[in-house]
Protein backbone atom coordinates (compact mmCIF):
# COMPACT_ATOMS: atom_id res chain seq x y z
CA MET A 1 204.28 183.72 263.07
CA VAL A 2 206.28 181.22 261.02
CA LYS A 3 205.67 177.69 259.75
CA PRO A 4 208.15 174.99 258.70
CA GLY A 5 209.15 175.36 255.05
CA GLU A 6 208.39 179.09 254.97
CA THR A 7 210.93 181.40 253.29
CA LEU A 8 211.64 184.84 254.79
CA LYS A 9 213.87 187.84 254.11
CA ILE A 10 215.33 189.21 257.34
CA GLU A 11 217.96 191.78 258.31
CA LYS A 12 221.45 190.68 257.24
CA ILE A 13 223.13 188.16 259.56
CA LYS A 14 226.85 187.47 259.34
CA LYS A 15 226.76 183.70 258.89
CA PRO A 16 228.02 181.61 255.95
CA GLU A 17 225.62 180.59 253.17
CA ASN A 18 224.07 177.11 253.56
CA GLY A 19 224.64 177.53 257.28
CA GLU A 20 222.21 176.92 260.12
CA ILE A 21 220.86 179.54 262.50
CA VAL A 22 218.83 179.09 265.70
CA PHE A 23 216.47 181.75 267.06
CA ASP A 24 216.17 181.09 270.81
CA LYS A 25 214.36 184.29 271.83
CA VAL A 26 210.78 183.33 271.02
CA LEU A 27 208.07 185.74 272.21
CA LEU A 28 204.86 183.86 271.35
CA ILE A 29 203.74 180.32 270.48
CA ILE A 30 200.37 179.64 268.81
CA ASN A 31 199.35 176.01 268.50
CA GLY A 32 195.77 175.87 267.22
CA ASP A 33 193.64 177.64 269.85
CA ASN A 34 196.39 177.31 272.47
CA ILE A 35 198.37 180.58 272.85
CA LYS A 36 201.45 180.89 275.09
CA ILE A 37 203.05 184.28 275.75
CA GLY A 38 206.59 184.65 277.08
CA LYS A 39 207.64 186.95 279.91
CA PRO A 40 209.55 188.35 277.96
CA PHE A 41 210.71 185.16 276.14
CA MET A 42 209.49 181.57 276.10
CA GLU A 43 211.72 179.11 277.93
CA ASP A 44 213.03 176.11 275.93
CA ALA A 45 211.49 177.39 272.68
CA LYS A 46 213.73 177.48 269.61
CA VAL A 47 213.23 178.01 265.89
CA SER A 48 215.91 176.74 263.54
CA ALA A 49 216.38 177.95 259.99
CA LYS A 50 218.70 177.37 257.04
CA ILE A 51 220.40 180.31 255.32
CA ILE A 52 219.74 180.24 251.58
CA GLU A 53 221.35 183.45 250.30
CA GLU A 54 222.46 186.95 251.12
CA GLY A 55 221.67 189.90 248.91
CA ARG A 56 220.52 193.47 248.62
CA GLY A 57 216.98 194.72 248.06
CA LYS A 58 215.64 197.03 245.38
CA LYS A 59 217.01 200.55 245.24
CA VAL A 60 215.07 203.21 247.15
CA ILE A 61 215.59 206.79 245.98
CA VAL A 62 216.10 209.39 248.72
CA LEU A 63 215.52 212.94 247.50
CA LYS A 64 216.08 216.13 249.49
CA TYR A 65 214.77 219.37 248.00
CA LYS A 66 214.41 222.94 249.22
CA GLN A 67 212.51 225.35 247.07
CA LYS A 68 213.80 228.80 246.07
CA THR A 69 217.39 227.99 247.14
CA ARG A 70 218.42 225.73 244.23
CA TYR A 71 219.16 222.91 246.67
CA HIS A 72 218.48 219.31 245.76
CA LYS A 73 220.28 216.15 246.67
CA LYS A 74 219.53 212.69 245.31
CA ALA A 75 220.84 209.45 246.79
CA GLY A 76 219.98 205.77 246.57
CA HIS A 77 219.93 203.02 249.19
CA ARG A 78 219.84 199.22 248.90
CA GLN A 79 219.08 197.38 252.16
CA PRO A 80 221.11 194.17 252.71
CA PHE A 81 219.13 191.04 253.64
CA THR A 82 219.51 187.34 254.42
CA LYS A 83 217.03 184.88 252.91
CA ILE A 84 216.20 181.96 255.24
CA THR A 85 213.95 178.91 255.23
CA ILE A 86 212.39 177.75 258.50
CA SER A 87 213.24 174.07 259.08
CA ASP A 88 211.62 173.24 262.43
CA PHE A 89 210.77 174.51 265.92
């Protein structure tokens, strides 16, 4: 559930910064006590957002270890993301 002016971090999208993106596959609309559910998507429902920045998240350490065999392997991972602001729907 999103509201206009809300800032979100989503999976990386290949669009230019300061660009505009439209999400047209909306599953659910809640307007007060009125709830509409799509089958599977809502028709004529769109959410537009502005891309603010692209980046990478904090490093997550991945450690593999097996006892008694002197095996250990350490790796790091940084998940790429796109930061967006919801403009209207």
